[in-house]
Amino acid sequence: MNTDKIFEYLLELAERMGIRIVKGKGDFNGGDCRVREDKVIVINKIKPIEYQSKIIVEGLANHGLSDHYLIPAVRSYIEDKLNIKI
């Protein structure tokens, strides 16, 4: 599975988990946070897609990925990026 498809799947997964993805550009790295009661992951859209995916994965991992079904290619990608076993 190519990185664009993995990125799209991660966006869908975030939506299913109730996490809003905010894309912006500027001098920041991104990450997850809370805005009032909303769970949000902020990504810098001028960074490479691999970096954006890594930021999303880190944010999703903070909200409990083990409770959600992941297709094998995405599970492998996440485990590789975070060096964890889900």
N, C-alpha and C. Protein backbone atom coordinates (compact mmCIF):
# COMPACT_ATOMS: atom_id res chain seq x y z
N MET A 1 0.86 -1.17 0.00
CA MET A 1 0.00 0.00 0.00
C MET A 1 0.91 1.24 0.00
N ASN A 2 0.62 2.18 -0.89
CA ASN A 2 1.48 3.37 -0.97
C ASN A 2 1.16 4.38 0.12
N THR A 3 2.04 5.33 0.30
CA THR A 3 1.91 6.29 1.41
C THR A 3 0.66 7.17 1.30
N ASP A 4 0.24 7.48 0.08
CA ASP A 4 -0.98 8.30 -0.08
C ASP A 4 -2.20 7.55 0.43
N LYS A 5 -2.30 6.26 0.12
CA LYS A 5 -3.44 5.46 0.57
C LYS A 5 -3.40 5.28 2.08
N ILE A 6 -2.21 5.07 2.63
CA ILE A 6 -2.09 4.95 4.08
C ILE A 6 -2.52 6.25 4.75
N PHE A 7 -2.09 7.38 4.19
CA PHE A 7 -2.47 8.69 4.72
C PHE A 7 -4.00 8.84 4.72
N GLU A 8 -4.65 8.49 3.62
CA GLU A 8 -6.11 8.60 3.53
C GLU A 8 -6.78 7.69 4.56
N TYR A 9 -6.26 6.48 4.71
CA TYR A 9 -6.82 5.57 5.70
C TYR A 9 -6.67 6.14 7.11
N LEU A 10 -5.53 6.73 7.41
CA LEU A 10 -5.31 7.33 8.73
C LEU A 10 -6.29 8.47 8.99
N LEU A 11 -6.57 9.27 7.95
CA LEU A 11 -7.56 10.35 8.09
C LEU A 11 -8.94 9.77 8.40
N GLU A 12 -9.31 8.69 7.71
CA GLU A 12 -10.60 8.03 7.95
C GLU A 12 -10.65 7.44 9.36
N LEU A 13 -9.55 6.83 9.78
CA LEU A 13 -9.49 6.26 11.11
C LEU A 13 -9.66 7.34 12.18
N ALA A 14 -9.01 8.46 12.00
CA ALA A 14 -9.15 9.57 12.94
C ALA A 14 -10.61 10.01 13.02
N GLU A 15 -11.27 10.09 11.89
CA GLU A 15 -12.68 10.49 11.87
C GLU A 15 -13.53 9.48 12.63
N ARG A 16 -13.29 8.18 12.41
CA ARG A 16 -14.03 7.14 13.12
C ARG A 16 -13.79 7.21 14.63
N MET A 17 -12.59 7.64 15.01
CA MET A 17 -12.24 7.75 16.43
C MET A 17 -12.72 9.06 17.05
N GLY A 18 -13.33 9.92 16.24
CA GLY A 18 -13.84 11.20 16.76
C GLY A 18 -12.76 12.24 16.95
N ILE A 19 -11.68 12.11 16.18
CA ILE A 19 -10.56 13.04 16.28
C ILE A 19 -10.55 13.91 15.03
N ARG A 20 -10.54 15.21 15.24
CA ARG A 20 -10.53 16.14 14.11
C ARG A 20 -9.09 16.40 13.67
N ILE A 21 -8.87 16.38 12.37
CA ILE A 21 -7.55 16.69 11.80
C ILE A 21 -7.60 18.12 11.28
N VAL A 22 -6.67 18.93 11.74
CA VAL A 22 -6.56 20.32 11.29
C VAL A 22 -5.26 20.46 10.52
N LYS A 23 -5.38 20.93 9.28
CA LYS A 23 -4.19 21.12 8.44
C LYS A 23 -3.88 22.61 8.36
N GLY A 24 -2.63 22.92 8.57
CA GLY A 24 -2.19 24.30 8.47
C GLY A 24 -0.80 24.35 7.89
N LYS A 25 -0.30 25.53 7.66
CA LYS A 25 1.07 25.64 7.20
C LYS A 25 1.75 26.75 7.98
N GLY A 26 3.02 26.57 8.21
CA GLY A 26 3.77 27.54 8.99
C GLY A 26 4.99 26.89 9.60
N ASP A 27 5.50 27.52 10.61
CA ASP A 27 6.71 27.06 11.27
C ASP A 27 6.34 26.25 12.52
N PHE A 28 5.79 25.05 12.33
CA PHE A 28 5.44 24.18 13.44
C PHE A 28 5.51 22.73 12.96
N ASN A 29 5.63 21.83 13.92
CA ASN A 29 5.73 20.41 13.59
C ASN A 29 4.38 19.71 13.59
N GLY A 30 3.50 20.07 14.50
CA GLY A 30 2.21 19.42 14.61
C GLY A 30 2.17 18.46 15.78
N GLY A 31 0.99 17.91 16.02
CA GLY A 31 0.80 16.96 17.10
C GLY A 31 -0.64 16.96 17.55
N ASP A 32 -0.91 16.18 18.61
CA ASP A 32 -2.30 16.11 19.07
C ASP A 32 -2.50 17.03 20.28
N CYS A 33 -3.73 17.46 20.44
CA CYS A 33 -4.07 18.36 21.54
C CYS A 33 -5.58 18.32 21.76
N ARG A 34 -6.03 19.07 22.72
CA ARG A 34 -7.46 19.24 22.95
C ARG A 34 -7.80 20.71 22.76
N VAL A 35 -8.89 20.94 22.09
CA VAL A 35 -9.43 22.29 21.95
C VAL A 35 -10.81 22.24 22.58
N ARG A 36 -10.89 22.83 23.76
CA ARG A 36 -12.05 22.69 24.64
C ARG A 36 -12.21 21.20 24.94
N GLU A 37 -13.25 20.57 24.48
CA GLU A 37 -13.45 19.13 24.72
C GLU A 37 -13.13 18.29 23.48
N ASP A 38 -12.78 18.93 22.38
CA ASP A 38 -12.52 18.21 21.13
C ASP A 38 -11.10 17.68 21.06
N LYS A 39 -10.98 16.44 20.57
CA LYS A 39 -9.66 15.86 20.31
C LYS A 39 -9.23 16.32 18.91
N VAL A 40 -8.02 16.85 18.82
CA VAL A 40 -7.54 17.42 17.56
C VAL A 40 -6.11 16.97 17.31
N ILE A 41 -5.81 16.68 16.04
CA ILE A 41 -4.44 16.46 15.61
C ILE A 41 -4.14 17.53 14.57
N VAL A 42 -3.11 18.31 14.83
CA VAL A 42 -2.72 19.38 13.91
C VAL A 42 -1.53 18.90 13.09
N ILE A 43 -1.66 19.02 11.77
CA ILE A 43 -0.55 18.63 10.89
C ILE A 43 -0.16 19.81 10.01
N ASN A 44 1.11 19.87 9.70
CA ASN A 44 1.64 20.92 8.84
C ASN A 44 1.61 20.40 7.41
N LYS A 45 0.77 21.00 6.58
CA LYS A 45 0.58 20.47 5.23
C LYS A 45 1.73 20.77 4.28
N ILE A 46 2.72 21.54 4.72
CA ILE A 46 3.88 21.75 3.85
C ILE A 46 4.98 20.72 4.12
N LYS A 47 4.81 19.92 5.17
CA LYS A 47 5.75 18.84 5.45
C LYS A 47 5.45 17.66 4.51
N PRO A 48 6.42 16.78 4.29
CA PRO A 48 6.18 15.60 3.44
C PRO A 48 5.06 14.72 4.00
N ILE A 49 4.37 14.01 3.13
CA ILE A 49 3.23 13.19 3.55
C ILE A 49 3.64 12.12 4.55
N GLU A 50 4.86 11.62 4.44
CA GLU A 50 5.34 10.62 5.40
C GLU A 50 5.41 11.22 6.81
N TYR A 51 5.85 12.46 6.90
CA TYR A 51 5.93 13.15 8.19
C TYR A 51 4.52 13.42 8.73
N GLN A 52 3.62 13.86 7.86
CA GLN A 52 2.24 14.11 8.28
C GLN A 52 1.61 12.83 8.81
N SER A 53 1.86 11.72 8.12
CA SER A 53 1.32 10.43 8.55
C SER A 53 1.87 10.05 9.92
N LYS A 54 3.14 10.28 10.13
CA LYS A 54 3.76 9.95 11.41
C LYS A 54 3.12 10.76 12.54
N ILE A 55 2.86 12.03 12.31
CA ILE A 55 2.21 12.87 13.31
C ILE A 55 0.82 12.35 13.62
N ILE A 56 0.08 11.95 12.59
CA ILE A 56 -1.26 11.41 12.80
C ILE A 56 -1.18 10.11 13.59
N VAL A 57 -0.26 9.23 13.23
CA VAL A 57 -0.10 7.95 13.93
C VAL A 57 0.21 8.18 15.40
N GLU A 58 1.12 9.09 15.70
CA GLU A 58 1.46 9.38 17.09
C GLU A 58 0.24 9.90 17.85
N GLY A 59 -0.53 10.76 17.21
CA GLY A 59 -1.73 11.28 17.85
C GLY A 59 -2.78 10.21 18.08
N LEU A 60 -2.98 9.35 17.08
CA LEU A 60 -3.96 8.27 17.22
C LEU A 60 -3.54 7.29 18.31
N ALA A 61 -2.25 7.02 18.40
CA ALA A 61 -1.74 6.09 19.41
C ALA A 61 -2.02 6.61 20.82
N ASN A 62 -2.04 7.92 20.99
CA ASN A 62 -2.34 8.50 22.30
C ASN A 62 -3.80 8.32 22.70
N HIS A 63 -4.64 7.91 21.74
CA HIS A 63 -6.07 7.76 22.01
C HIS A 63 -6.54 6.31 21.91
N GLY A 64 -5.62 5.36 21.95
CA GLY A 64 -6.00 3.95 22.04
C GLY A 64 -6.29 3.25 20.73
N LEU A 65 -5.29 2.97 19.98
CA LEU A 65 -5.46 2.28 18.70
C LEU A 65 -5.87 0.82 18.85
N SER A 66 -5.55 0.19 19.96
CA SER A 66 -5.82 -1.24 20.11
C SER A 66 -7.31 -1.56 20.10
N ASP A 67 -8.15 -0.57 20.30
CA ASP A 67 -9.60 -0.78 20.29
C ASP A 67 -10.21 -0.71 18.90
N HIS A 68 -9.40 -0.47 17.88
CA HIS A 68 -9.92 -0.26 16.53
C HIS A 68 -9.30 -1.23 15.55
N TYR A 69 -10.14 -1.67 14.57
CA TYR A 69 -9.63 -2.56 13.54
C TYR A 69 -8.72 -1.77 12.61
N LEU A 70 -7.57 -2.33 12.30
CA LEU A 70 -6.64 -1.74 11.35
C LEU A 70 -6.33 -2.77 10.27
N ILE A 71 -6.39 -2.36 9.02
CA ILE A 71 -6.02 -3.29 7.97
C ILE A 71 -4.53 -3.62 8.14
N PRO A 72 -4.13 -4.83 7.75
CA PRO A 72 -2.75 -5.28 8.01
C PRO A 72 -1.66 -4.32 7.54
N ALA A 73 -1.81 -3.72 6.36
CA ALA A 73 -0.77 -2.82 5.84
C ALA A 73 -0.62 -1.59 6.74
N VAL A 74 -1.72 -1.09 7.24
CA VAL A 74 -1.67 0.09 8.11
C VAL A 74 -1.15 -0.29 9.49
N ARG A 75 -1.57 -1.44 9.99
CA ARG A 75 -1.05 -1.92 11.28
C ARG A 75 0.47 -2.05 11.22
N SER A 76 0.97 -2.63 10.14
CA SER A 76 2.41 -2.79 9.95
C SER A 76 3.11 -1.44 9.87
N TYR A 77 2.52 -0.51 9.14
CA TYR A 77 3.08 0.84 9.01
C TYR A 77 3.17 1.51 10.38
N ILE A 78 2.09 1.42 11.18
CA ILE A 78 2.06 2.04 12.49
C ILE A 78 3.10 1.40 13.41
N GLU A 79 3.14 0.09 13.42
CA GLU A 79 4.12 -0.59 14.27
C GLU A 79 5.54 -0.23 13.89
N ASP A 80 5.79 -0.06 12.60
CA ASP A 80 7.12 0.31 12.13
C ASP A 80 7.47 1.74 12.54
N LYS A 81 6.52 2.68 12.39
CA LYS A 81 6.78 4.09 12.70
C LYS A 81 6.97 4.34 14.19
N LEU A 82 6.24 3.60 15.01
CA LEU A 82 6.28 3.83 16.46
C LEU A 82 7.11 2.79 17.21
N ASN A 83 7.56 1.78 16.50
CA ASN A 83 8.30 0.68 17.13
C ASN A 83 7.52 0.07 18.29
N ILE A 84 6.21 -0.14 18.05
CA ILE A 84 5.37 -0.78 19.06
C ILE A 84 4.59 -1.91 18.42
N LYS A 85 4.07 -2.79 19.23
CA LYS A 85 3.22 -3.88 18.76
C LYS A 85 1.80 -3.55 19.19
N ILE A 86 0.88 -3.50 18.23
CA ILE A 86 -0.52 -3.18 18.54
C ILE A 86 -1.30 -4.47 18.65
